[in-house]
Amino acid sequence: MLSKIWKKVCILILIIACLFNIVLKLVGRVSFNKEIISSAEYMLEQYEYEKDSENVIK
């Protein structure tokens, strides 16, 4: 009898933890547009760095 109660309590705690985790991920996630813009800026910086380093080596 006691084990059935603990099993239900543990399952309830597990469900609450999963929902809490999902909500935190949804709230803290970066928007797609911001991610695309930051990726494009990084790629442009890398391209310019490689372009400059090619001129120095030659």
N, C-alpha and C. Protein backbone atom coordinates (compact mmCIF):
# COMPACT_ATOMS: atom_id res chain seq x y z
N MET A 1 0.82 -1.19 0.00
CA MET A 1 0.00 0.00 0.00
C MET A 1 0.87 1.26 0.00
N LEU A 2 1.87 1.27 0.86
CA LEU A 2 2.75 2.43 0.97
C LEU A 2 3.56 2.62 -0.31
N SER A 3 3.94 1.51 -0.94
CA SER A 3 4.73 1.61 -2.17
C SER A 3 3.92 2.23 -3.31
N LYS A 4 2.62 1.97 -3.36
CA LYS A 4 1.78 2.56 -4.40
C LYS A 4 1.70 4.07 -4.23
N ILE A 5 1.61 4.52 -2.99
CA ILE A 5 1.55 5.96 -2.73
C ILE A 5 2.86 6.63 -3.14
N TRP A 6 4.00 6.01 -2.77
CA TRP A 6 5.30 6.58 -3.12
C TRP A 6 5.50 6.58 -4.64
N LYS A 7 5.01 5.55 -5.29
CA LYS A 7 5.13 5.49 -6.75
C LYS A 7 4.37 6.65 -7.39
N LYS A 8 3.17 6.92 -6.92
CA LYS A 8 2.39 8.04 -7.45
C LYS A 8 3.04 9.37 -7.16
N VAL A 9 3.61 9.52 -5.97
CA VAL A 9 4.28 10.76 -5.60
C VAL A 9 5.51 10.98 -6.48
N CYS A 10 6.28 9.92 -6.70
CA CYS A 10 7.47 10.03 -7.55
C CYS A 10 7.12 10.36 -8.99
N ILE A 11 6.08 9.76 -9.51
CA ILE A 11 5.64 10.06 -10.87
C ILE A 11 5.17 11.51 -10.98
N LEU A 12 4.45 11.98 -9.98
CA LEU A 12 4.00 13.37 -9.97
C LEU A 12 5.19 14.33 -9.94
N ILE A 13 6.19 14.03 -9.11
CA ILE A 13 7.39 14.87 -9.05
C ILE A 13 8.12 14.85 -10.39
N LEU A 14 8.21 13.71 -11.03
CA LEU A 14 8.85 13.59 -12.33
C LEU A 14 8.13 14.41 -13.39
N ILE A 15 6.83 14.36 -13.41
CA ILE A 15 6.04 15.13 -14.37
C ILE A 15 6.23 16.62 -14.15
N ILE A 16 6.21 17.06 -12.90
CA ILE A 16 6.40 18.48 -12.60
C ILE A 16 7.80 18.93 -13.02
N ALA A 17 8.81 18.10 -12.76
CA ALA A 17 10.18 18.44 -13.15
C ALA A 17 10.32 18.55 -14.66
N CYS A 18 9.70 17.65 -15.39
CA CYS A 18 9.75 17.71 -16.86
C CYS A 18 9.06 18.96 -17.39
N LEU A 19 7.90 19.28 -16.86
CA LEU A 19 7.19 20.48 -17.30
C LEU A 19 7.99 21.74 -16.96
N PHE A 20 8.60 21.77 -15.79
CA PHE A 20 9.42 22.91 -15.38
C PHE A 20 10.60 23.08 -16.32
N ASN A 21 11.23 21.97 -16.70
CA ASN A 21 12.36 21.99 -17.63
C ASN A 21 11.95 22.52 -18.99
N ILE A 22 10.81 22.06 -19.49
CA ILE A 22 10.32 22.50 -20.80
C ILE A 22 10.01 23.99 -20.78
N VAL A 23 9.36 24.46 -19.73
CA VAL A 23 9.02 25.88 -19.63
C VAL A 23 10.27 26.74 -19.57
N LEU A 24 11.27 26.32 -18.82
CA LEU A 24 12.52 27.08 -18.74
C LEU A 24 13.22 27.15 -20.09
N LYS A 25 13.20 26.07 -20.85
CA LYS A 25 13.82 26.07 -22.17
C LYS A 25 13.08 26.98 -23.13
N LEU A 26 11.76 27.01 -23.06
CA LEU A 26 10.98 27.87 -23.94
C LEU A 26 11.17 29.35 -23.61
N VAL A 27 11.25 29.67 -22.33
CA VAL A 27 11.39 31.06 -21.91
C VAL A 27 12.79 31.58 -22.20
N GLY A 28 13.80 30.75 -22.00
CA GLY A 28 15.17 31.21 -22.14
C GLY A 28 15.75 31.06 -23.53
N ARG A 29 15.00 30.63 -24.46
CA ARG A 29 15.54 30.36 -25.79
C ARG A 29 15.70 31.64 -26.59
N VAL A 30 16.73 31.69 -27.42
CA VAL A 30 17.01 32.84 -28.27
C VAL A 30 16.13 32.73 -29.50
N SER A 31 15.64 33.87 -29.96
CA SER A 31 14.77 33.82 -31.13
C SER A 31 15.58 33.42 -32.37
N PHE A 32 14.90 32.88 -33.34
CA PHE A 32 15.54 32.38 -34.56
C PHE A 32 16.22 33.51 -35.31
N ASN A 33 15.56 34.67 -35.39
CA ASN A 33 16.14 35.80 -36.12
C ASN A 33 17.45 36.26 -35.49
N LYS A 34 17.51 36.34 -34.17
CA LYS A 34 18.74 36.75 -33.49
C LYS A 34 19.85 35.74 -33.75
N GLU A 35 19.50 34.47 -33.75
CA GLU A 35 20.49 33.43 -34.00
C GLU A 35 21.05 33.53 -35.42
N ILE A 36 20.19 33.78 -36.38
CA ILE A 36 20.63 33.91 -37.78
C ILE A 36 21.54 35.13 -37.93
N ILE A 37 21.15 36.25 -37.35
CA ILE A 37 21.95 37.47 -37.46
C ILE A 37 23.32 37.29 -36.82
N SER A 38 23.37 36.70 -35.65
CA SER A 38 24.66 36.50 -34.99
C SER A 38 25.53 35.52 -35.77
N SER A 39 24.94 34.51 -36.38
CA SER A 39 25.71 33.57 -37.19
C SER A 39 26.27 34.26 -38.43
N ALA A 40 25.46 35.08 -39.06
CA ALA A 40 25.91 35.79 -40.25
C ALA A 40 27.05 36.76 -39.91
N GLU A 41 26.94 37.46 -38.79
CA GLU A 41 28.01 38.37 -38.38
C GLU A 41 29.29 37.60 -38.11
N TYR A 42 29.19 36.47 -37.46
CA TYR A 42 30.37 35.66 -37.17
C TYR A 42 31.03 35.18 -38.46
N MET A 43 30.23 34.71 -39.40
CA MET A 43 30.78 34.23 -40.67
C MET A 43 31.45 35.36 -41.43
N LEU A 44 30.87 36.55 -41.41
CA LEU A 44 31.46 37.70 -42.08
C LEU A 44 32.81 38.07 -41.44
N GLU A 45 32.87 38.05 -40.12
CA GLU A 45 34.13 38.34 -39.43
C GLU A 45 35.20 37.31 -39.79
N GLN A 46 34.82 36.05 -39.84
CA GLN A 46 35.78 35.01 -40.19
C GLN A 46 36.26 35.17 -41.63
N TYR A 47 35.36 35.52 -42.52
CA TYR A 47 35.73 35.72 -43.92
C TYR A 47 36.70 36.88 -44.05
N GLU A 48 36.41 37.98 -43.35
CA GLU A 48 37.31 39.13 -43.42
C GLU A 48 38.66 38.81 -42.80
N TYR A 49 38.69 38.06 -41.72
CA TYR A 49 39.94 37.68 -41.08
C TYR A 49 40.77 36.80 -42.00
N GLU A 50 40.12 35.82 -42.65
CA GLU A 50 40.84 34.93 -43.57
C GLU A 50 41.34 35.71 -44.78
N LYS A 51 40.55 36.66 -45.25
CA LYS A 51 40.94 37.47 -46.40
C LYS A 51 42.16 38.31 -46.05
N ASP A 52 42.16 38.90 -44.86
CA ASP A 52 43.29 39.71 -44.42
C ASP A 52 44.53 38.86 -44.20
N SER A 53 44.35 37.67 -43.65
CA SER A 53 45.51 36.82 -43.38
C SER A 53 46.11 36.28 -44.67
N GLU A 54 45.34 36.09 -45.72
CA GLU A 54 45.88 35.67 -47.00
C GLU A 54 46.76 36.75 -47.59
N ASN A 55 46.37 38.00 -47.44
CA ASN A 55 47.17 39.10 -47.97
C ASN A 55 48.49 39.23 -47.22
N VAL A 56 48.51 38.95 -45.94
CA VAL A 56 49.72 39.08 -45.14
C VAL A 56 50.71 37.98 -45.50
N ILE A 57 50.23 36.76 -45.71
CA ILE A 57 51.11 35.63 -46.01
C ILE A 57 51.75 35.80 -47.36
N LYS A 58 51.03 36.26 -48.34
CA LYS A 58 51.58 36.40 -49.70
C LYS A 58 52.47 37.58 -49.71
